[in-house]
Amino acid sequence: MPPPPRRITKPDGQPTRGKTGRNRLRQIDNLIALYDPGLIRREDGQYRGAFFVDLGYGWEPVTTLESANRLRRLNPTLCVLGVEIDPERVAAAAPSADERTCFRLGGFNLPLSDGEHARLVRAFNVLRQYDESAVEAALKTMGGYLLPGGLLIEGTSDPSGRVWVANLLRRSASGELLAEALVFGTNFRAGFEPGQFQPVLPKKYIHRMIPGQSIYQFVSAWKRAYYESIPTSVWGPRYLFATCARRLAETGYQVDLSRRLLGRGFLIWRHPEG
């Protein structure tokens, strides 16, 4: 039997609205499977039994259960933990628990017992309700539960999950939480235009869309690339998306030009500044 979860006397954070839709985070699961499948598959050393954590799943545990189903295609024994700050939501999710899926009360201070660890923490549509001044502390707290090499994915999506942006942060061997990439995701159902992503920028960036800030410069360069590449739209939004990425790379931005990633609608800006 697993040890009982560490009791959280005061979960760190605030309740979210708790509303989400089915498949809203499908693309984030797909990104995980493409970007770092080894992290999900690992079952060596401390990674044996380490959790995928879905923080802030809401009134229904649908995102946690969907992720468990998708990611267990990579690792059938993957342990999955859904965390909520609202006791009623935890109680409502309890009937959906099984041998490798559990739901616990907690916040940014994750309810992990001694000997339990997180390989990946996903906090989506959570931090946008906070003041920007609270973001770095929340990220640091969550990142402190990751194993070395573990990943924190924090971001925001539109209500349907068609368009989203996420921070990817990696815990180093020395324990630092390092910004690894900023990912822009789309399923192309609403076409493609760089301005679509501005309303769903993570809290860390949403108020920095002003001249002189790195995110402003990046989005501006992406828009220029878009207008220069519009003639290629005759081959569809995916082709236009990839063409824009190549133009960004030509101007010096470290963007991933993998066809597999771009074809799925993932633009990955590595080592973003600020």
Protein backbone atom coordinates (compact mmCIF):
# COMPACT_ATOMS: atom_id res chain seq x y z
CA MET A 1 0.00 0.00 0.00
CA PRO A 2 1.29 3.51 -0.75
CA PRO A 3 1.98 5.71 2.28
CA PRO A 4 -0.78 8.12 3.26
CA PRO A 5 -0.45 11.58 1.69
CA ARG A 6 1.21 14.28 3.72
CA ARG A 7 -1.53 16.26 5.38
CA ILE A 8 -1.83 19.78 4.00
CA THR A 9 -2.94 22.02 6.84
CA LYS A 10 -3.30 25.02 4.58
CA PRO A 11 -3.22 24.53 0.81
CA ASP A 12 -1.24 27.28 -0.88
CA GLY A 13 -3.39 29.06 -3.44
CA GLN A 14 -6.94 30.06 -4.31
CA PRO A 15 -9.81 28.04 -5.81
CA THR A 16 -10.27 28.43 -9.54
CA ARG A 17 -13.65 28.70 -11.23
CA GLY A 18 -13.36 24.96 -11.68
CA LYS A 19 -15.00 24.79 -15.09
CA THR A 20 -13.39 22.92 -17.94
CA GLY A 21 -14.40 20.94 -21.00
CA ARG A 22 -13.65 17.48 -22.25
CA ASN A 23 -10.48 17.29 -24.32
CA ARG A 24 -9.56 20.85 -23.39
CA LEU A 25 -6.02 19.76 -22.53
CA ARG A 26 -5.64 17.08 -25.20
CA GLN A 27 -3.01 19.08 -27.05
CA ILE A 28 -0.92 19.51 -23.91
CA ASP A 29 -0.91 15.73 -23.45
CA ASN A 30 0.08 15.34 -27.09
CA LEU A 31 2.90 17.84 -26.60
CA ILE A 32 4.21 15.91 -23.58
CA ALA A 33 4.20 12.68 -25.57
CA LEU A 34 6.17 14.28 -28.43
CA TYR A 35 8.43 16.64 -26.49
CA ASP A 36 9.74 14.36 -23.74
CA PRO A 37 8.28 10.84 -23.90
CA GLY A 38 11.22 9.49 -21.90
CA LEU A 39 10.11 11.48 -18.87
CA ILE A 40 6.78 9.63 -18.85
CA ARG A 41 8.34 6.24 -19.55
CA ARG A 42 11.08 6.41 -16.89
CA GLU A 43 10.76 3.88 -14.08
CA ASP A 44 14.32 3.82 -12.77
CA GLY A 45 15.54 4.94 -9.35
CA GLN A 46 13.31 7.59 -7.77
CA TYR A 47 11.28 7.78 -10.97
CA ARG A 48 9.77 4.41 -10.19
CA GLY A 49 6.19 5.30 -9.23
CA ALA A 50 6.77 9.07 -9.60
CA PHE A 51 3.59 11.02 -10.33
CA PHE A 52 2.25 12.96 -13.24
CA VAL A 53 0.43 15.73 -11.33
CA ASP A 54 -2.62 17.57 -12.65
CA LEU A 55 -2.97 20.65 -10.45
CA GLY A 56 -6.35 22.37 -10.34
CA TYR A 57 -8.53 19.92 -12.29
CA GLY A 58 -11.78 21.63 -11.26
CA TRP A 59 -15.26 20.45 -10.34
CA GLU A 60 -14.91 17.29 -12.40
CA PRO A 61 -11.71 15.22 -12.71
CA VAL A 62 -12.05 14.94 -16.47
CA THR A 63 -8.64 16.44 -17.35
CA THR A 64 -6.85 14.13 -14.88
CA LEU A 65 -8.61 11.01 -16.15
CA GLU A 66 -8.11 11.92 -19.81
CA SER A 67 -4.40 12.53 -19.25
CA ALA A 68 -4.06 9.24 -17.40
CA ASN A 69 -5.60 7.43 -20.35
CA ARG A 70 -3.43 9.15 -22.97
CA LEU A 71 -0.10 9.06 -21.15
CA ARG A 72 -0.48 5.43 -20.11
CA ARG A 73 -0.09 4.58 -23.77
CA LEU A 74 3.56 5.49 -23.13
CA ASN A 75 3.73 4.01 -19.63
CA PRO A 76 0.91 1.67 -18.56
CA THR A 77 2.04 1.83 -14.92
CA LEU A 78 2.18 5.65 -14.72
CA CYS A 79 0.95 7.03 -11.40
CA VAL A 80 -1.35 10.03 -11.77
CA LEU A 81 -2.33 12.51 -9.05
CA GLY A 82 -5.10 15.08 -9.33
CA VAL A 83 -4.77 17.97 -6.86
CA GLU A 84 -7.50 20.42 -5.88
CA ILE A 85 -7.70 23.13 -3.26
CA ASP A 86 -11.44 22.67 -2.76
CA PRO A 87 -12.39 19.71 -0.48
CA GLU A 88 -15.73 19.27 -2.25
CA ARG A 89 -13.98 18.78 -5.57
CA VAL A 90 -11.63 16.20 -4.06
CA ALA A 91 -14.58 14.30 -2.56
CA ALA A 92 -16.45 14.40 -5.88
CA ALA A 93 -13.45 12.92 -7.70
CA ALA A 94 -12.82 10.13 -5.18
CA PRO A 95 -15.08 7.54 -6.91
CA SER A 96 -12.90 7.87 -10.03
CA ALA A 97 -9.72 6.86 -8.18
CA ASP A 98 -8.08 3.51 -8.84
CA GLU A 99 -4.84 1.70 -8.04
CA ARG A 100 -2.71 4.20 -9.97
CA THR A 101 -4.93 7.29 -9.99
CA CYS A 102 -5.65 9.33 -6.88
CA PHE A 103 -7.09 12.70 -5.90
CA ARG A 104 -5.88 14.76 -2.96
CA LEU A 105 -6.43 18.10 -1.28
CA GLY A 106 -3.61 20.55 -1.88
CA GLY A 107 -2.36 23.64 -3.63
CA PHE A 108 0.98 24.75 -4.98
CA ASN A 109 2.33 22.90 -1.93
CA LEU A 110 1.63 19.45 -3.34
CA PRO A 111 0.24 16.72 -1.05
CA LEU A 112 3.07 14.22 -1.52
CA SER A 113 4.13 11.80 1.20
CA ASP A 114 7.71 11.07 2.23
CA GLY A 115 9.18 8.99 -0.55
CA GLU A 116 6.72 10.25 -3.19
CA HIS A 117 7.90 12.40 -6.06
CA ALA A 118 6.65 14.24 -9.14
CA ARG A 119 8.09 13.70 -12.61
CA LEU A 120 5.84 16.26 -14.25
CA VAL A 121 3.48 18.90 -12.85
CA ARG A 122 0.86 20.46 -15.09
CA ALA A 123 -0.84 23.65 -13.83
CA PHE A 124 -3.13 24.90 -16.58
CA ASN A 125 -5.60 27.78 -16.38
CA VAL A 126 -4.59 28.33 -12.75
CA LEU A 127 -2.15 31.23 -12.40
CA ARG A 128 -3.96 33.67 -14.67
CA GLN A 129 -6.22 34.67 -11.75
CA TYR A 130 -3.24 35.68 -9.58
CA ASP A 131 -1.29 38.91 -9.38
CA GLU A 132 1.89 38.77 -11.43
CA SER A 133 3.88 39.27 -8.23
CA ALA A 134 2.70 35.86 -6.96
CA VAL A 135 3.67 33.87 -10.05
CA GLU A 136 7.38 33.28 -9.44
CA ALA A 137 6.78 32.06 -5.87
CA ALA A 138 4.07 29.64 -7.06
CA LEU A 139 6.32 28.27 -9.81
CA LYS A 140 9.20 27.83 -7.38
CA THR A 141 6.98 26.02 -4.88
CA MET A 142 5.64 23.58 -7.49
CA GLY A 143 9.07 23.07 -9.01
CA GLY A 144 10.46 22.10 -5.63
CA TYR A 145 8.53 18.82 -5.79
CA LEU A 146 10.02 17.74 -9.11
CA LEU A 147 12.74 15.15 -9.40
CA PRO A 148 15.93 16.29 -11.15
CA GLY A 149 15.08 16.41 -14.84
CA GLY A 150 11.38 16.78 -14.06
CA LEU A 151 9.17 19.22 -15.93
CA LEU A 152 6.67 21.89 -14.90
CA ILE A 153 4.13 22.92 -17.55
CA GLU A 154 2.20 26.07 -16.68
CA GLY A 155 -0.05 27.91 -19.05
CA THR A 156 -3.41 29.08 -20.29
CA SER A 157 -5.81 27.92 -22.99
CA ASP A 158 -9.01 29.24 -24.50
CA PRO A 159 -12.19 27.50 -23.23
CA SER A 160 -12.13 24.84 -25.97
CA GLY A 161 -8.38 24.19 -25.87
CA ARG A 162 -7.99 25.20 -29.52
CA VAL A 163 -5.33 27.83 -28.72
CA TRP A 164 -2.95 27.88 -25.76
CA VAL A 165 0.48 28.99 -24.53
CA ALA A 166 2.63 27.26 -21.90
CA ASN A 167 5.83 27.79 -19.97
CA LEU A 168 8.09 24.72 -19.82
CA LEU A 169 10.40 24.76 -16.81
CA ARG A 170 12.91 22.02 -15.98
CA ARG A 171 14.42 21.18 -12.61
CA SER A 172 18.17 20.91 -12.95
CA ALA A 173 20.45 18.41 -11.21
CA SER A 174 21.39 21.16 -8.75
CA GLY A 175 17.74 21.87 -7.91
CA GLU A 176 17.25 25.07 -9.92
CA LEU A 177 14.03 25.57 -11.87
CA LEU A 178 15.10 26.76 -15.30
CA ALA A 179 12.98 28.21 -18.11
CA GLU A 180 13.38 25.78 -21.01
CA ALA A 181 10.82 26.93 -23.55
CA LEU A 182 7.62 28.82 -24.27
CA VAL A 183 5.19 26.78 -26.37
CA PHE A 184 2.40 28.14 -28.57
CA GLY A 185 -0.19 25.53 -29.50
CA THR A 186 -3.10 25.43 -31.95
CA ASN A 187 -5.23 22.77 -33.59
CA PHE A 188 -5.84 25.10 -36.58
CA ARG A 189 -9.63 24.84 -36.26
CA ALA A 190 -9.75 28.62 -36.11
CA GLY A 191 -7.11 29.00 -38.80
CA PHE A 192 -3.81 30.57 -37.77
CA GLU A 193 -2.61 34.09 -37.00
CA PRO A 194 -0.04 35.02 -34.31
CA GLY A 195 -2.43 37.47 -32.64
CA GLN A 196 -4.61 34.52 -31.58
CA PHE A 197 -2.12 33.66 -28.87
CA GLN A 198 -1.90 37.01 -27.11
CA PRO A 199 -5.11 36.57 -25.02
CA VAL A 200 -3.84 33.25 -23.64
CA LEU A 201 -0.28 34.23 -22.78
CA PRO A 202 0.70 32.97 -19.30
CA LYS A 203 0.50 35.47 -16.46
CA LYS A 204 4.27 35.93 -16.58
CA TYR A 205 3.96 37.44 -20.06
CA ILE A 206 0.45 38.82 -20.49
CA HIS A 207 1.31 42.23 -19.01
CA ARG A 208 4.65 42.46 -20.81
CA MET A 209 3.31 42.96 -24.30
CA ILE A 210 4.94 46.38 -24.50
CA PRO A 211 7.92 47.65 -26.53
CA GLY A 212 11.25 46.62 -25.07
CA GLN A 213 10.00 43.35 -23.58
CA SER A 214 11.21 40.08 -25.11
CA ILE A 215 7.72 38.62 -25.53
CA TYR A 216 6.57 41.75 -27.38
CA GLN A 217 9.59 41.56 -29.68
CA PHE A 218 8.99 37.86 -30.35
CA VAL A 219 5.30 38.24 -31.18
CA SER A 220 6.08 41.29 -33.35
CA ALA A 221 8.69 39.29 -35.27
CA TRP A 222 6.19 36.43 -35.63
CA LYS A 223 3.57 38.81 -37.04
CA ARG A 224 6.08 40.18 -39.56
CA ALA A 225 6.93 36.63 -40.58
CA TYR A 226 3.22 35.92 -40.95
CA TYR A 227 2.56 38.84 -43.29
CA GLU A 228 5.64 38.01 -45.34
CA SER A 229 4.48 34.38 -45.59
CA ILE A 230 0.79 34.92 -46.40
CA PRO A 231 1.22 33.79 -50.05
CA THR A 232 1.98 30.28 -48.72
CA SER A 233 -1.45 30.12 -47.07
CA VAL A 234 -2.79 28.62 -50.30
CA TRP A 235 -1.31 25.34 -49.02
CA GLY A 236 -3.22 25.61 -45.75
CA PRO A 237 -2.67 26.95 -42.21
CA ARG A 238 -0.21 24.20 -41.23
CA TYR A 239 2.10 25.09 -44.09
CA LEU A 240 1.82 28.79 -43.23
CA PHE A 241 2.55 28.00 -39.55
CA ALA A 242 5.71 26.10 -40.46
CA THR A 243 6.85 28.77 -42.92
CA CYS A 244 6.55 31.42 -40.23
CA ALA A 245 8.63 29.29 -37.87
CA ARG A 246 11.40 29.00 -40.44
CA ARG A 247 11.38 32.77 -40.95
CA LEU A 248 11.66 33.28 -37.18
CA ALA A 249 14.65 30.95 -37.10
CA GLU A 250 16.27 32.91 -39.92
CA THR A 251 16.02 36.08 -37.81
CA GLY A 252 17.87 34.40 -34.93
CA TYR A 253 15.11 33.03 -32.69
CA GLN A 254 15.69 29.57 -31.27
CA VAL A 255 12.52 27.88 -32.47
CA ASP A 256 12.19 24.15 -32.97
CA LEU A 257 11.83 23.32 -36.66
CA SER A 258 10.88 19.68 -36.14
CA ARG A 259 8.23 18.79 -38.71
CA ARG A 260 6.49 16.52 -36.22
CA LEU A 261 6.03 19.38 -33.76
CA LEU A 262 5.12 22.07 -36.28
CA GLY A 263 2.74 19.73 -38.06
CA ARG A 264 0.84 19.21 -34.81
CA GLY A 265 0.59 22.95 -34.26
CA PHE A 266 3.39 23.39 -31.69
CA LEU A 267 5.76 26.35 -32.01
CA ILE A 268 8.47 25.95 -29.39
CA TRP A 269 10.60 28.99 -28.55
CA ARG A 270 13.57 27.62 -26.65
CA HIS A 271 15.16 29.51 -23.79
CA PRO A 272 12.87 32.55 -23.92
CA GLU A 273 14.17 35.67 -22.26
CA GLY A 274 12.39 37.46 -19.44
